[in-house]
PDB file of N, CA and C in Angstrom:
ATOM      1  N   MET A   1     103.594 123.743 131.041  1.00  0.00           N
ATOM      2  CA  MET A   1     102.846 123.050 130.024  1.00  0.00           C
ATOM      3  C   MET A   1     103.412 121.615 129.855  1.00  0.00           C
ATOM      4  N   ARG A   2     102.562 120.692 129.505  1.00  0.00           N
ATOM      5  CA  ARG A   2     102.973 119.296 129.398  1.00  0.00           C
ATOM      6  C   ARG A   2     103.341 118.950 128.017  1.00  0.00           C
ATOM      7  N   TYR A   3     102.667 119.540 126.990  1.00  0.00           N
ATOM      8  CA  TYR A   3     102.812 119.029 125.599  1.00  0.00           C
ATOM      9  C   TYR A   3     103.520 119.958 124.776  1.00  0.00           C
ATOM     10  N   PHE A   4     103.772 121.201 125.119  1.00  0.00           N
ATOM     11  CA  PHE A   4     104.385 122.176 124.233  1.00  0.00           C
ATOM     12  C   PHE A   4     105.632 122.810 124.983  1.00  0.00           C
ATOM     13  N   ASP A   5     106.558 123.321 124.190  1.00  0.00           N
ATOM     14  CA  ASP A   5     107.675 124.081 124.558  1.00  0.00           C
ATOM     15  C   ASP A   5     107.316 125.498 124.260  1.00  0.00           C
ATOM     16  N   ILE A   6     107.469 126.430 125.184  1.00  0.00           N
ATOM     17  CA  ILE A   6     107.046 127.811 124.918  1.00  0.00           C
ATOM     18  C   ILE A   6     107.793 128.386 123.680  1.00  0.00           C
ATOM     19  N   ALA A   7     108.954 127.878 123.326  1.00  0.00           N
ATOM     20  CA  ALA A   7     109.707 128.368 122.185  1.00  0.00           C
ATOM     21  C   ALA A   7     108.997 128.024 120.826  1.00  0.00           C
ATOM     22  N   GLU A   8     108.021 127.019 120.860  1.00  0.00           N
ATOM     23  CA  GLU A   8     107.323 126.728 119.657  1.00  0.00           C
ATOM     24  C   GLU A   8     106.443 127.832 119.215  1.00  0.00           C
ATOM     25  N   PHE A   9     106.178 128.798 120.094  1.00  0.00           N
ATOM     26  CA  PHE A   9     105.235 129.949 119.893  1.00  0.00           C
ATOM     27  C   PHE A   9     105.988 131.214 119.528  1.00  0.00           C
ATOM     28  N   ASP A  10     107.288 131.169 119.514  1.00  0.00           N
ATOM     29  CA  ASP A  10     108.040 132.386 119.243  1.00  0.00           C
ATOM     30  C   ASP A  10     107.769 132.960 117.890  1.00  0.00           C
ATOM     31  N   CYS A  11     107.885 134.298 117.756  1.00  0.00           N
ATOM     32  CA  CYS A  11     107.602 135.023 116.548  1.00  0.00           C
ATOM     33  C   CYS A  11     108.712 134.519 115.515  1.00  0.00           C
ATOM     34  N   GLN A  12     108.342 134.137 114.370  1.00  0.00           N
ATOM     35  CA  GLN A  12     109.240 133.619 113.452  1.00  0.00           C
ATOM     36  C   GLN A  12     110.217 134.617 112.846  1.00  0.00           C
ATOM     37  N   GLU A  13     109.967 135.950 112.947  1.00  0.00           N
ATOM     38  CA  GLU A  13     110.745 136.913 112.477  1.00  0.00           C
ATOM     39  C   GLU A  13     111.645 137.594 113.509  1.00  0.00           C
ATOM     40  N   THR A  14     111.071 137.745 114.768  1.00  0.00           N
ATOM     41  CA  THR A  14     111.835 138.574 115.755  1.00  0.00           C
ATOM     42  C   THR A  14     112.229 137.661 116.921  1.00  0.00           C
ATOM     43  N   GLY A  15     111.640 136.484 117.087  1.00  0.00           N
ATOM     44  CA  GLY A  15     111.981 135.631 118.281  1.00  0.00           C
ATOM     45  C   GLY A  15     111.160 136.045 119.540  1.00  0.00           C
ATOM     46  N   GLU A  16     110.498 137.147 119.465  1.00  0.00           N
ATOM     47  CA  GLU A  16     109.695 137.637 120.599  1.00  0.00           C
ATOM     48  C   GLU A  16     108.534 136.599 120.874  1.00  0.00           C
ATOM     49  N   ASN A  17     108.084 136.633 122.148  1.00  0.00           N
ATOM     50  CA  ASN A  17     107.019 135.736 122.516  1.00  0.00           C
ATOM     51  C   ASN A  17     106.195 136.433 123.655  1.00  0.00           C
ATOM     52  N   ASP A  18     104.996 136.780 123.466  1.00  0.00           N
ATOM     53  CA  ASP A  18     104.113 137.333 124.465  1.00  0.00           C
ATOM     54  C   ASP A  18     102.814 136.667 124.397  1.00  0.00           C
ATOM     55  N   MET A  19     102.853 135.304 124.398  1.00  0.00           N
ATOM     56  CA  MET A  19     101.731 134.523 124.283  1.00  0.00           C
ATOM     57  C   MET A  19     100.829 134.635 125.554  1.00  0.00           C
ATOM     58  N   SER A  20      99.583 134.521 125.418  1.00  0.00           N
ATOM     59  CA  SER A  20      98.661 134.539 126.575  1.00  0.00           C
ATOM     60  C   SER A  20      98.854 133.261 127.417  1.00  0.00           C
ATOM     61  N   GLU A  21      99.135 133.366 128.670  1.00  0.00           N
ATOM     62  CA  GLU A  21      99.323 132.207 129.489  1.00  0.00           C
ATOM     63  C   GLU A  21      98.058 131.368 129.500  1.00  0.00           C
ATOM     64  N   GLU A  22      96.847 132.068 129.569  1.00  0.00           N
ATOM     65  CA  GLU A  22      95.592 131.362 129.604  1.00  0.00           C
ATOM     66  C   GLU A  22      95.429 130.602 128.219  1.00  0.00           C
ATOM     67  N   PHE A  23      95.816 131.115 127.161  1.00  0.00           N
ATOM     68  CA  PHE A  23      95.661 130.432 125.884  1.00  0.00           C
ATOM     69  C   PHE A  23      96.608 129.169 125.910  1.00  0.00           C
ATOM     70  N   LEU A  24      97.844 129.342 126.393  1.00  0.00           N
ATOM     71  CA  LEU A  24      98.801 128.170 126.392  1.00  0.00           C
ATOM     72  C   LEU A  24      98.287 127.053 127.213  1.00  0.00           C
ATOM     73  N   TRP A  25      97.736 127.365 128.380  1.00  0.00           N
ATOM     74  CA  TRP A  25      97.202 126.254 129.228  1.00  0.00           C
ATOM     75  C   TRP A  25      95.940 125.667 128.573  1.00  0.00           C
ATOM     76  N   ALA A  26      95.154 126.449 127.914  1.00  0.00           N
ATOM     77  CA  ALA A  26      93.944 125.878 127.164  1.00  0.00           C
ATOM     78  C   ALA A  26      94.386 124.997 126.097  1.00  0.00           C
ATOM     79  N   ILE A  27      95.318 125.376 125.266  1.00  0.00           N
ATOM     80  CA  ILE A  27      95.771 124.541 124.156  1.00  0.00           C
ATOM     81  C   ILE A  27      96.489 123.214 124.650  1.00  0.00           C
ATOM     82  N   ASP A  28      97.072 123.319 125.786  1.00  0.00           N
ATOM     83  CA  ASP A  28      97.744 122.205 126.418  1.00  0.00           C
ATOM     84  C   ASP A  28      96.644 121.247 126.805  1.00  0.00           C
ATOM     85  N   SER A  29      95.588 121.757 127.451  1.00  0.00           N
ATOM     86  CA  SER A  29      94.474 120.882 127.949  1.00  0.00           C
ATOM     87  C   SER A  29      93.718 120.269 126.700  1.00  0.00           C
ATOM     88  N   LEU A  30      93.555 121.043 125.620  1.00  0.00           N
ATOM     89  CA  LEU A  30      92.977 120.526 124.474  1.00  0.00           C
ATOM     90  C   LEU A  30      93.777 119.350 123.830  1.00  0.00           C
ATOM     91  N   ARG A  31      95.081 119.532 123.779  1.00  0.00           N
ATOM     92  CA  ARG A  31      95.924 118.429 123.352  1.00  0.00           C
ATOM     93  C   ARG A  31      95.740 117.166 124.120  1.00  0.00           C
ATOM     94  N   GLU A  32      95.602 117.387 125.469  1.00  0.00           N
ATOM     95  CA  GLU A  32      95.354 116.177 126.376  1.00  0.00           C
ATOM     96  C   GLU A  32      94.089 115.564 125.916  1.00  0.00           C
ATOM     97  N   GLU A  33      93.014 116.303 125.828  1.00  0.00           N
ATOM     98  CA  GLU A  33      91.687 115.712 125.533  1.00  0.00           C
ATOM     99  C   GLU A  33      91.664 115.040 124.177  1.00  0.00           C
ATOM    100  N   CYS A  34      92.343 115.565 123.197  1.00  0.00           N
ATOM    101  CA  CYS A  34      92.290 115.030 121.838  1.00  0.00           C
ATOM    102  C   CYS A  34      93.053 113.733 121.718  1.00  0.00           C
ATOM    103  N   GLY A  35      94.207 113.720 122.445  1.00  0.00           N
ATOM    104  CA  GLY A  35      94.989 112.485 122.395  1.00  0.00           C
ATOM    105  C   GLY A  35      95.915 112.443 121.191  1.00  0.00           C
ATOM    106  N   PHE A  36      96.052 113.461 120.421  1.00  0.00           N
ATOM    107  CA  PHE A  36      97.024 113.502 119.304  1.00  0.00           C
ATOM    108  C   PHE A  36      97.723 114.840 119.372  1.00  0.00           C
ATOM    109  N   SER A  37      98.962 114.842 118.732  1.00  0.00           N
ATOM    110  CA  SER A  37      99.752 116.048 118.720  1.00  0.00           C
ATOM    111  C   SER A  37      99.277 117.153 117.732  1.00  0.00           C
ATOM    112  N   PHE A  38      99.687 118.347 118.108  1.00  0.00           N
ATOM    113  CA  PHE A  38      99.395 119.589 117.218  1.00  0.00           C
ATOM    114  C   PHE A  38     100.682 120.064 116.725  1.00  0.00           C
ATOM    115  N   VAL A  39     100.742 120.510 115.542  1.00  0.00           N
ATOM    116  CA  VAL A  39     101.877 121.214 114.940  1.00  0.00           C
ATOM    117  C   VAL A  39     101.639 122.688 115.016  1.00  0.00           C
ATOM    118  N   ILE A  40     102.488 123.461 115.740  1.00  0.00           N
ATOM    119  CA  ILE A  40     102.379 124.849 115.834  1.00  0.00           C
ATOM    120  C   ILE A  40     103.027 125.464 114.578  1.00  0.00           C
ATOM    121  N   THR A  41     102.277 126.039 113.674  1.00  0.00           N
ATOM    122  CA  THR A  41     102.822 126.606 112.516  1.00  0.00           C
ATOM    123  C   THR A  41     102.990 128.138 112.656  1.00  0.00           C
ATOM    124  N   SER A  42     102.276 128.794 113.532  1.00  0.00           N
ATOM    125  CA  SER A  42     102.467 130.201 113.786  1.00  0.00           C
ATOM    126  C   SER A  42     101.808 130.489 115.101  1.00  0.00           C
ATOM    127  N   GLY A  43     102.632 130.940 116.015  1.00  0.00           N
ATOM    128  CA  GLY A  43     102.132 131.277 117.357  1.00  0.00           C
ATOM    129  C   GLY A  43     102.107 132.768 117.526  1.00  0.00           C
ATOM    130  N   TYR A  44     102.926 133.380 118.358  1.00  0.00           N
ATOM    131  CA  TYR A  44     103.016 134.741 118.597  1.00  0.00           C
ATOM    132  C   TYR A  44     103.608 135.383 117.341  1.00  0.00           C
ATOM    133  N   ARG A  45     103.093 136.610 117.023  1.00  0.00           N
ATOM    134  CA  ARG A  45     103.584 137.384 115.945  1.00  0.00           C
ATOM    135  C   ARG A  45     103.769 138.786 116.430  1.00  0.00           C
ATOM    136  N   SER A  46     105.036 139.297 116.477  1.00  0.00           N
ATOM    137  CA  SER A  46     105.420 140.526 116.970  1.00  0.00           C
ATOM    138  C   SER A  46     104.759 141.660 116.159  1.00  0.00           C
ATOM    139  N   ARG A  47     104.464 142.779 116.645  1.00  0.00           N
ATOM    140  CA  ARG A  47     103.861 143.844 115.872  1.00  0.00           C
ATOM    141  C   ARG A  47     104.914 144.332 114.874  1.00  0.00           C
ATOM    142  N   LYS A  48     106.156 143.937 115.017  1.00  0.00           N
ATOM    143  CA  LYS A  48     107.275 144.286 114.091  1.00  0.00           C
ATOM    144  C   LYS A  48     107.323 143.218 112.942  1.00  0.00           C
ATOM    145  N   HIS A  49     106.607 142.204 113.013  1.00  0.00           N
ATOM    146  CA  HIS A  49     106.567 141.158 111.948  1.00  0.00           C
ATOM    147  C   HIS A  49     106.000 141.775 110.754  1.00  0.00           C
ATOM    148  N   SER A  50     106.462 141.356 109.575  1.00  0.00           N
ATOM    149  CA  SER A  50     106.013 141.995 108.370  1.00  0.00           C
ATOM    150  C   SER A  50     104.514 141.798 108.112  1.00  0.00           C
ATOM    151  N   ILE A  51     103.968 140.742 108.470  1.00  0.00           N
ATOM    152  CA  ILE A  51     102.531 140.492 108.318  1.00  0.00           C
ATOM    153  C   ILE A  51     101.759 141.535 109.108  1.00  0.00           C
ATOM    154  N   GLU A  52     102.142 141.688 110.393  1.00  0.00           N
ATOM    155  CA  GLU A  52     101.479 142.550 111.274  1.00  0.00           C
ATOM    156  C   GLU A  52     101.690 144.014 110.960  1.00  0.00           C
ATOM    157  N   LYS A  53     102.804 144.388 110.487  1.00  0.00           N
ATOM    158  CA  LYS A  53     103.047 145.721 110.087  1.00  0.00           C
ATOM    159  C   LYS A  53     102.217 146.173 108.928  1.00  0.00           C
ATOM    160  N   ALA A  54     101.848 145.279 108.114  1.00  0.00           N
ATOM    161  CA  ALA A  54     101.039 145.572 106.929  1.00  0.00           C
ATOM    162  C   ALA A  54      99.563 145.734 107.268  1.00  0.00           C
ATOM    163  N   LYS A  55      99.112 145.428 108.522  1.00  0.00           N
ATOM    164  CA  LYS A  55      97.704 145.468 108.933  1.00  0.00           C
ATOM    165  C   LYS A  55      97.413 146.861 109.551  1.00  0.00           C
ATOM    166  N   ASN A  56      96.236 147.338 109.431  1.00  0.00           N
ATOM    167  CA  ASN A  56      95.698 148.534 110.126  1.00  0.00           C
ATOM    168  C   ASN A  56      95.601 148.267 111.630  1.00  0.00           C
ATOM    169  N   THR A  57      95.109 147.101 111.956  1.00  0.00           N
ATOM    170  CA  THR A  57      94.902 146.745 113.390  1.00  0.00           C
ATOM    171  C   THR A  57      95.595 145.439 113.597  1.00  0.00           C
ATOM    172  N   PRO A  58      96.391 145.262 114.633  1.00  0.00           N
ATOM    173  CA  PRO A  58      97.107 143.974 114.882  1.00  0.00           C
ATOM    174  C   PRO A  58      96.028 142.803 115.061  1.00  0.00           C
ATOM    175  N   GLY A  59      96.435 141.667 114.516  1.00  0.00           N
ATOM    176  CA  GLY A  59      95.548 140.501 114.646  1.00  0.00           C
ATOM    177  C   GLY A  59      95.749 139.816 115.932  1.00  0.00           C
ATOM    178  N   THR A  60      95.087 138.630 115.981  1.00  0.00           N
ATOM    179  CA  THR A  60      95.097 137.838 117.216  1.00  0.00           C
ATOM    180  C   THR A  60      96.470 137.266 117.484  1.00  0.00           C
ATOM    181  N   HIS A  61      97.234 137.001 116.486  1.00  0.00           N
ATOM    182  CA  HIS A  61      98.607 136.519 116.667  1.00  0.00           C
ATOM    183  C   HIS A  61      99.377 137.510 117.486  1.00  0.00           C
ATOM    184  N   ALA A  62      99.225 138.701 117.219  1.00  0.00           N
ATOM    185  CA  ALA A  62     100.045 139.854 117.901  1.00  0.00           C
ATOM    186  C   ALA A  62      99.454 140.098 119.290  1.00  0.00           C
ATOM    187  N   GLN A  63      98.273 139.492 119.619  1.00  0.00           N
ATOM    188  CA  GLN A  63      97.647 139.622 120.929  1.00  0.00           C
ATOM    189  C   GLN A  63      98.020 138.412 121.727  1.00  0.00           C
ATOM    190  N   GLY A  64      98.709 137.412 121.182  1.00  0.00           N
ATOM    191  CA  GLY A  64      99.101 136.230 121.979  1.00  0.00           C
ATOM    192  C   GLY A  64      98.005 135.205 122.029  1.00  0.00           C
ATOM    193  N   THR A  65      96.953 135.331 121.187  1.00  0.00           N
ATOM    194  CA  THR A  65      95.904 134.312 121.171  1.00  0.00           C
ATOM    195  C   THR A  65      95.560 133.990 119.708  1.00  0.00           C
ATOM    196  N   PRO A  66      96.419 133.274 119.015  1.00  0.00           N
ATOM    197  CA  PRO A  66      96.292 133.046 117.583  1.00  0.00           C
ATOM    198  C   PRO A  66      95.075 132.278 117.127  1.00  0.00           C
ATOM    199  N   ALA A  67      94.521 131.522 117.968  1.00  0.00           N
ATOM    200  CA  ALA A  67      93.403 130.588 117.531  1.00  0.00           C
ATOM    201  C   ALA A  67      92.013 131.063 118.010  1.00  0.00           C
ATOM    202  N   THR A  68      91.989 132.196 118.675  1.00  0.00           N
ATOM    203  CA  THR A  68      90.711 132.541 119.230  1.00  0.00           C
ATOM    204  C   THR A  68      89.952 133.505 118.352  1.00  0.00           C
TER     205      THR A  68
END
């Protein structure tokens, strides 16, 4: 990736990272097209993360595709 460091997407509670490679390349391309930076506030979220553990079904963050 050109614009992001993979660590920006690490789970904030566990440090795990299982982001979709396809998603990462897509967001990097989008950043290129937009011409301005993005702040990653929440990327991957482990199923052990307190927010995910409270859900009946894991959300898109736990699937490695937080913005889809």
